[in-house]
Amino acid sequence: MSCEDLVCARCAHPVIEGRCALCRANRDRMHQHGFGGLSPAVIVLVLLVLLFFALAAKHLVGA
């Protein structure tokens, strides 16, 4: 569901227009992506780098 489909109960206008404070708050909340404001691509990249370092450390230790 996107905010284009929602109608505000307070001002009776589409939430996407952001005419009242409630509309703007809900529009901003719905447009947040990822963890901590990070995009999913950045999160995947960080996880891959961590995996690479974990494998490199395991190889260097010899376990």
PDB file of N, CA and C in Angstrom:
ATOM      1  N   MET A   1       0.850  -1.168   0.000  1.00  0.00           N
ATOM      2  CA  MET A   1       0.000   0.000   0.000  1.00  0.00           C
ATOM      3  C   MET A   1       0.893   1.227   0.000  1.00  0.00           C
ATOM      4  N   SER A   2       0.511   2.205  -0.755  1.00  0.00           N
ATOM      5  CA  SER A   2       1.258   3.448  -0.786  1.00  0.00           C
ATOM      6  C   SER A   2       0.376   4.584  -0.285  1.00  0.00           C
ATOM      7  N   CYS A   3       1.022   5.704   0.025  1.00  0.00           N
ATOM      8  CA  CYS A   3       0.254   6.826   0.540  1.00  0.00           C
ATOM      9  C   CYS A   3      -0.590   7.474  -0.549  1.00  0.00           C
ATOM     10  N   GLU A   4      -0.371   7.096  -1.806  1.00  0.00           N
ATOM     11  CA  GLU A   4      -1.209   7.604  -2.892  1.00  0.00           C
ATOM     12  C   GLU A   4      -2.624   7.064  -2.785  1.00  0.00           C
ATOM     13  N   ASP A   5      -2.784   5.906  -2.146  1.00  0.00           N
ATOM     14  CA  ASP A   5      -4.085   5.264  -2.022  1.00  0.00           C
ATOM     15  C   ASP A   5      -4.837   5.667  -0.760  1.00  0.00           C
ATOM     16  N   LEU A   6      -4.168   6.373   0.155  1.00  0.00           N
ATOM     17  CA  LEU A   6      -4.770   6.669   1.448  1.00  0.00           C
ATOM     18  C   LEU A   6      -5.410   8.057   1.476  1.00  0.00           C
ATOM     19  N   VAL A   7      -6.510   8.162   2.225  1.00  0.00           N
ATOM     20  CA  VAL A   7      -7.188   9.437   2.448  1.00  0.00           C
ATOM     21  C   VAL A   7      -7.103   9.733   3.935  1.00  0.00           C
ATOM     22  N   CYS A   8      -6.711  10.942   4.269  1.00  0.00           N
ATOM     23  CA  CYS A   8      -6.541  11.346   5.657  1.00  0.00           C
ATOM     24  C   CYS A   8      -7.896  11.487   6.340  1.00  0.00           C
ATOM     25  N   ALA A   9      -8.006  10.946   7.545  1.00  0.00           N
ATOM     26  CA  ALA A   9      -9.246  11.058   8.305  1.00  0.00           C
ATOM     27  C   ALA A   9      -9.406  12.454   8.898  1.00  0.00           C
ATOM     28  N   ARG A  10      -8.321  13.179   8.991  1.00  0.00           N
ATOM     29  CA  ARG A  10      -8.372  14.510   9.595  1.00  0.00           C
ATOM     30  C   ARG A  10      -8.791  15.586   8.599  1.00  0.00           C
ATOM     31  N   CYS A  11      -8.194  15.584   7.408  1.00  0.00           N
ATOM     32  CA  CYS A  11      -8.485  16.659   6.449  1.00  0.00           C
ATOM     33  C   CYS A  11      -9.231  16.161   5.212  1.00  0.00           C
ATOM     34  N   ALA A  12      -9.423  14.862   5.071  1.00  0.00           N
ATOM     35  CA  ALA A  12     -10.161  14.235   3.969  1.00  0.00           C
ATOM     36  C   ALA A  12      -9.536  14.483   2.598  1.00  0.00           C
ATOM     37  N   HIS A  13      -8.213  14.650   2.555  1.00  0.00           N
ATOM     38  CA  HIS A  13      -7.479  14.782   1.293  1.00  0.00           C
ATOM     39  C   HIS A  13      -6.495  13.626   1.183  1.00  0.00           C
ATOM     40  N   PRO A  14      -6.001  13.355  -0.006  1.00  0.00           N
ATOM     41  CA  PRO A  14      -5.010  12.278  -0.151  1.00  0.00           C
ATOM     42  C   PRO A  14      -3.766  12.548   0.703  1.00  0.00           C
ATOM     43  N   VAL A  15      -3.260  11.527   1.339  1.00  0.00           N
ATOM     44  CA  VAL A  15      -2.090  11.656   2.218  1.00  0.00           C
ATOM     45  C   VAL A  15      -0.874  12.120   1.426  1.00  0.00           C
ATOM     46  N   ILE A  16      -0.793  11.739   0.173  1.00  0.00           N
ATOM     47  CA  ILE A  16       0.359  12.107  -0.658  1.00  0.00           C
ATOM     48  C   ILE A  16       0.507  13.618  -0.788  1.00  0.00           C
ATOM     49  N   GLU A  17      -0.591  14.366  -0.674  1.00  0.00           N
ATOM     50  CA  GLU A  17      -0.529  15.822  -0.795  1.00  0.00           C
ATOM     51  C   GLU A  17       0.061  16.478   0.448  1.00  0.00           C
ATOM     52  N   GLY A  18      -0.073  15.838   1.616  1.00  0.00           N
ATOM     53  CA  GLY A  18       0.509  16.364   2.843  1.00  0.00           C
ATOM     54  C   GLY A  18      -0.067  17.696   3.272  1.00  0.00           C
ATOM     55  N   ARG A  19      -1.372  17.844   3.226  1.00  0.00           N
ATOM     56  CA  ARG A  19      -2.000  19.134   3.557  1.00  0.00           C
ATOM     57  C   ARG A  19      -2.021  19.439   5.044  1.00  0.00           C
ATOM     58  N   CYS A  20      -2.056  18.436   5.895  1.00  0.00           N
ATOM     59  CA  CYS A  20      -2.056  18.691   7.341  1.00  0.00           C
ATOM     60  C   CYS A  20      -0.851  17.981   7.976  1.00  0.00           C
ATOM     61  N   ALA A  21      -0.633  18.270   9.247  1.00  0.00           N
ATOM     62  CA  ALA A  21       0.527  17.691   9.942  1.00  0.00           C
ATOM     63  C   ALA A  21       0.438  16.166  10.009  1.00  0.00           C
ATOM     64  N   LEU A  22      -0.756  15.635  10.182  1.00  0.00           N
ATOM     65  CA  LEU A  22      -0.934  14.187  10.239  1.00  0.00           C
ATOM     66  C   LEU A  22      -0.599  13.542   8.892  1.00  0.00           C
ATOM     67  N   CYS A  23      -1.049  14.166   7.810  1.00  0.00           N
ATOM     68  CA  CYS A  23      -0.718  13.662   6.464  1.00  0.00           C
ATOM     69  C   CYS A  23       0.796  13.634   6.255  1.00  0.00           C
ATOM     70  N   ARG A  24       1.457  14.729   6.594  1.00  0.00           N
ATOM     71  CA  ARG A  24       2.908  14.813   6.385  1.00  0.00           C
ATOM     72  C   ARG A  24       3.646  13.780   7.225  1.00  0.00           C
ATOM     73  N   ALA A  25       3.224  13.588   8.466  1.00  0.00           N
ATOM     74  CA  ALA A  25       3.884  12.614   9.337  1.00  0.00           C
ATOM     75  C   ALA A  25       3.707  11.199   8.797  1.00  0.00           C
ATOM     76  N   ASN A  26       2.501  10.859   8.371  1.00  0.00           N
ATOM     77  CA  ASN A  26       2.269   9.515   7.848  1.00  0.00           C
ATOM     78  C   ASN A  26       2.966   9.299   6.512  1.00  0.00           C
ATOM     79  N   ARG A  27       3.000  10.324   5.670  1.00  0.00           N
ATOM     80  CA  ARG A  27       3.696  10.213   4.384  1.00  0.00           C
ATOM     81  C   ARG A  27       5.185   9.975   4.623  1.00  0.00           C
ATOM     82  N   ASP A  28       5.774  10.728   5.556  1.00  0.00           N
ATOM     83  CA  ASP A  28       7.200  10.551   5.859  1.00  0.00           C
ATOM     84  C   ASP A  28       7.470   9.173   6.444  1.00  0.00           C
ATOM     85  N   ARG A  29       6.581   8.699   7.316  1.00  0.00           N
ATOM     86  CA  ARG A  29       6.756   7.378   7.931  1.00  0.00           C
ATOM     87  C   ARG A  29       6.684   6.280   6.875  1.00  0.00           C
ATOM     88  N   MET A  30       5.791   6.426   5.917  1.00  0.00           N
ATOM     89  CA  MET A  30       5.637   5.394   4.890  1.00  0.00           C
ATOM     90  C   MET A  30       6.783   5.411   3.886  1.00  0.00           C
ATOM     91  N   HIS A  31       7.482   6.535   3.770  1.00  0.00           N
ATOM     92  CA  HIS A  31       8.549   6.636   2.781  1.00  0.00           C
ATOM     93  C   HIS A  31       9.916   6.303   3.356  1.00  0.00           C
ATOM     94  N   GLN A  32       9.971   5.917   4.635  1.00  0.00           N
ATOM     95  CA  GLN A  32      11.241   5.487   5.213  1.00  0.00           C
ATOM     96  C   GLN A  32      11.555   4.093   4.696  1.00  0.00           C
ATOM     97  N   HIS A  33      12.793   3.903   4.298  1.00  0.00           N
ATOM     98  CA  HIS A  33      13.211   2.609   3.760  1.00  0.00           C
ATOM     99  C   HIS A  33      14.434   2.130   4.502  1.00  0.00           C
ATOM    100  N   GLY A  34      14.526   0.835   4.619  1.00  0.00           N
ATOM    101  CA  GLY A  34      15.727   0.251   5.188  1.00  0.00           C
ATOM    102  C   GLY A  34      15.817   0.382   6.686  1.00  0.00           C
ATOM    103  N   PHE A  35      16.974   0.049   7.201  1.00  0.00           N
ATOM    104  CA  PHE A  35      17.241   0.066   8.635  1.00  0.00           C
ATOM    105  C   PHE A  35      18.041   1.312   8.965  1.00  0.00           C
ATOM    106  N   GLY A  36      17.511   2.146   9.824  1.00  0.00           N
ATOM    107  CA  GLY A  36      18.216   3.358  10.206  1.00  0.00           C
ATOM    108  C   GLY A  36      18.373   4.346   9.077  1.00  0.00           C
ATOM    109  N   GLY A  37      17.456   4.325   8.130  1.00  0.00           N
ATOM    110  CA  GLY A  37      17.530   5.237   7.002  1.00  0.00           C
ATOM    111  C   GLY A  37      18.432   4.756   5.876  1.00  0.00           C
ATOM    112  N   LEU A  38      19.018   3.568   6.021  1.00  0.00           N
ATOM    113  CA  LEU A  38      19.883   3.031   4.973  1.00  0.00           C
ATOM    114  C   LEU A  38      19.060   2.261   3.954  1.00  0.00           C
ATOM    115  N   SER A  39      19.481   2.326   2.729  1.00  0.00           N
ATOM    116  CA  SER A  39      18.778   1.584   1.692  1.00  0.00           C
ATOM    117  C   SER A  39      19.094   0.090   1.817  1.00  0.00           C
ATOM    118  N   PRO A  40      18.221  -0.764   1.330  1.00  0.00           N
ATOM    119  CA  PRO A  40      18.475  -2.204   1.394  1.00  0.00           C
ATOM    120  C   PRO A  40      19.770  -2.610   0.681  1.00  0.00           C
ATOM    121  N   ALA A  41      20.127  -1.918  -0.385  1.00  0.00           N
ATOM    122  CA  ALA A  41      21.358  -2.246  -1.108  1.00  0.00           C
ATOM    123  C   ALA A  41      22.591  -2.006  -0.242  1.00  0.00           C
ATOM    124  N   VAL A  42      22.593  -0.933   0.527  1.00  0.00           N
ATOM    125  CA  VAL A  42      23.723  -0.638   1.405  1.00  0.00           C
ATOM    126  C   VAL A  42      23.813  -1.681   2.517  1.00  0.00           C
ATOM    127  N   ILE A  43      22.684  -2.094   3.049  1.00  0.00           N
ATOM    128  CA  ILE A  43      22.668  -3.115   4.101  1.00  0.00           C
ATOM    129  C   ILE A  43      23.235  -4.428   3.580  1.00  0.00           C
ATOM    130  N   VAL A  44      22.839  -4.827   2.385  1.00  0.00           N
ATOM    131  CA  VAL A  44      23.355  -6.061   1.782  1.00  0.00           C
ATOM    132  C   VAL A  44      24.860  -5.938   1.549  1.00  0.00           C
ATOM    133  N   LEU A  45      25.310  -4.796   1.080  1.00  0.00           N
ATOM    134  CA  LEU A  45      26.735  -4.588   0.844  1.00  0.00           C
ATOM    135  C   LEU A  45      27.525  -4.707   2.156  1.00  0.00           C
ATOM    136  N   VAL A  46      27.039  -4.100   3.218  1.00  0.00           N
ATOM    137  CA  VAL A  46      27.718  -4.179   4.513  1.00  0.00           C
ATOM    138  C   VAL A  46      27.763  -5.627   5.000  1.00  0.00           C
ATOM    139  N   LEU A  47      26.666  -6.365   4.848  1.00  0.00           N
ATOM    140  CA  LEU A  47      26.654  -7.770   5.267  1.00  0.00           C
ATOM    141  C   LEU A  47      27.640  -8.611   4.462  1.00  0.00           C
ATOM    142  N   LEU A  48      27.744  -8.353   3.173  1.00  0.00           N
ATOM    143  CA  LEU A  48      28.707  -9.088   2.340  1.00  0.00           C
ATOM    144  C   LEU A  48      30.144  -8.777   2.744  1.00  0.00           C
ATOM    145  N   VAL A  49      30.431  -7.521   3.055  1.00  0.00           N
ATOM    146  CA  VAL A  49      31.778  -7.144   3.494  1.00  0.00           C
ATOM    147  C   VAL A  49      32.097  -7.824   4.824  1.00  0.00           C
ATOM    148  N   LEU A  50      31.138  -7.848   5.742  1.00  0.00           N
ATOM    149  CA  LEU A  50      31.354  -8.529   7.017  1.00  0.00           C
ATOM    150  C   LEU A  50      31.589 -10.022   6.824  1.00  0.00           C
ATOM    151  N   LEU A  51      30.845 -10.640   5.923  1.00  0.00           N
ATOM    152  CA  LEU A  51      31.043 -12.055   5.624  1.00  0.00           C
ATOM    153  C   LEU A  51      32.431 -12.296   5.053  1.00  0.00           C
ATOM    154  N   PHE A  52      32.869 -11.422   4.154  1.00  0.00           N
ATOM    155  CA  PHE A  52      34.196 -11.544   3.572  1.00  0.00           C
ATOM    156  C   PHE A  52      35.280 -11.463   4.653  1.00  0.00           C
ATOM    157  N   PHE A  53      35.151 -10.495   5.556  1.00  0.00           N
ATOM    158  CA  PHE A  53      36.137 -10.360   6.625  1.00  0.00           C
ATOM    159  C   PHE A  53      36.106 -11.548   7.573  1.00  0.00           C
ATOM    160  N   ALA A  54      34.936 -12.076   7.849  1.00  0.00           N
ATOM    161  CA  ALA A  54      34.840 -13.247   8.725  1.00  0.00           C
ATOM    162  C   ALA A  54      35.521 -14.456   8.072  1.00  0.00           C
ATOM    163  N   LEU A  55      35.304 -14.657   6.780  1.00  0.00           N
ATOM    164  CA  LEU A  55      35.960 -15.766   6.080  1.00  0.00           C
ATOM    165  C   LEU A  55      37.467 -15.564   6.002  1.00  0.00           C
ATOM    166  N   ALA A  56      37.908 -14.328   5.782  1.00  0.00           N
ATOM    167  CA  ALA A  56      39.341 -14.036   5.734  1.00  0.00           C
ATOM    168  C   ALA A  56      39.976 -14.283   7.095  1.00  0.00           C
ATOM    169  N   ALA A  57      39.320 -13.860   8.169  1.00  0.00           N
ATOM    170  CA  ALA A  57      39.852 -14.083   9.516  1.00  0.00           C
ATOM    171  C   ALA A  57      39.920 -15.571   9.831  1.00  0.00           C
ATOM    172  N   LYS A  58      38.901 -16.327   9.420  1.00  0.00           N
ATOM    173  CA  LYS A  58      38.907 -17.768   9.654  1.00  0.00           C
ATOM    174  C   LYS A  58      40.055 -18.436   8.900  1.00  0.00           C
ATOM    175  N   HIS A  59      40.315 -17.981   7.679  1.00  0.00           N
ATOM    176  CA  HIS A  59      41.390 -18.530   6.867  1.00  0.00           C
ATOM    177  C   HIS A  59      42.751 -18.201   7.493  1.00  0.00           C
ATOM    178  N   LEU A  60      42.913 -16.989   8.001  1.00  0.00           N
ATOM    179  CA  LEU A  60      44.193 -16.579   8.581  1.00  0.00           C
ATOM    180  C   LEU A  60      44.471 -17.312   9.895  1.00  0.00           C
ATOM    181  N   VAL A  61      43.448 -17.572  10.683  1.00  0.00           N
ATOM    182  CA  VAL A  61      43.623 -18.287  11.937  1.00  0.00           C
ATOM    183  C   VAL A  61      43.906 -19.756  11.675  1.00  0.00           C
ATOM    184  N   GLY A  62      43.355 -20.269  10.589  1.00  0.00           N
ATOM    185  CA  GLY A  62      43.592 -21.671  10.228  1.00  0.00           C
ATOM    186  C   GLY A  62      42.605 -22.626  10.858  1.00  0.00           C
ATOM    187  N   ALA A  63      41.487 -22.118  11.278  1.00  0.00           N
ATOM    188  CA  ALA A  63      40.506 -23.000  11.928  1.00  0.00           C
ATOM    189  C   ALA A  63      39.666 -23.709  10.909  1.00  0.00           C
TER     190      ALA A  63
END
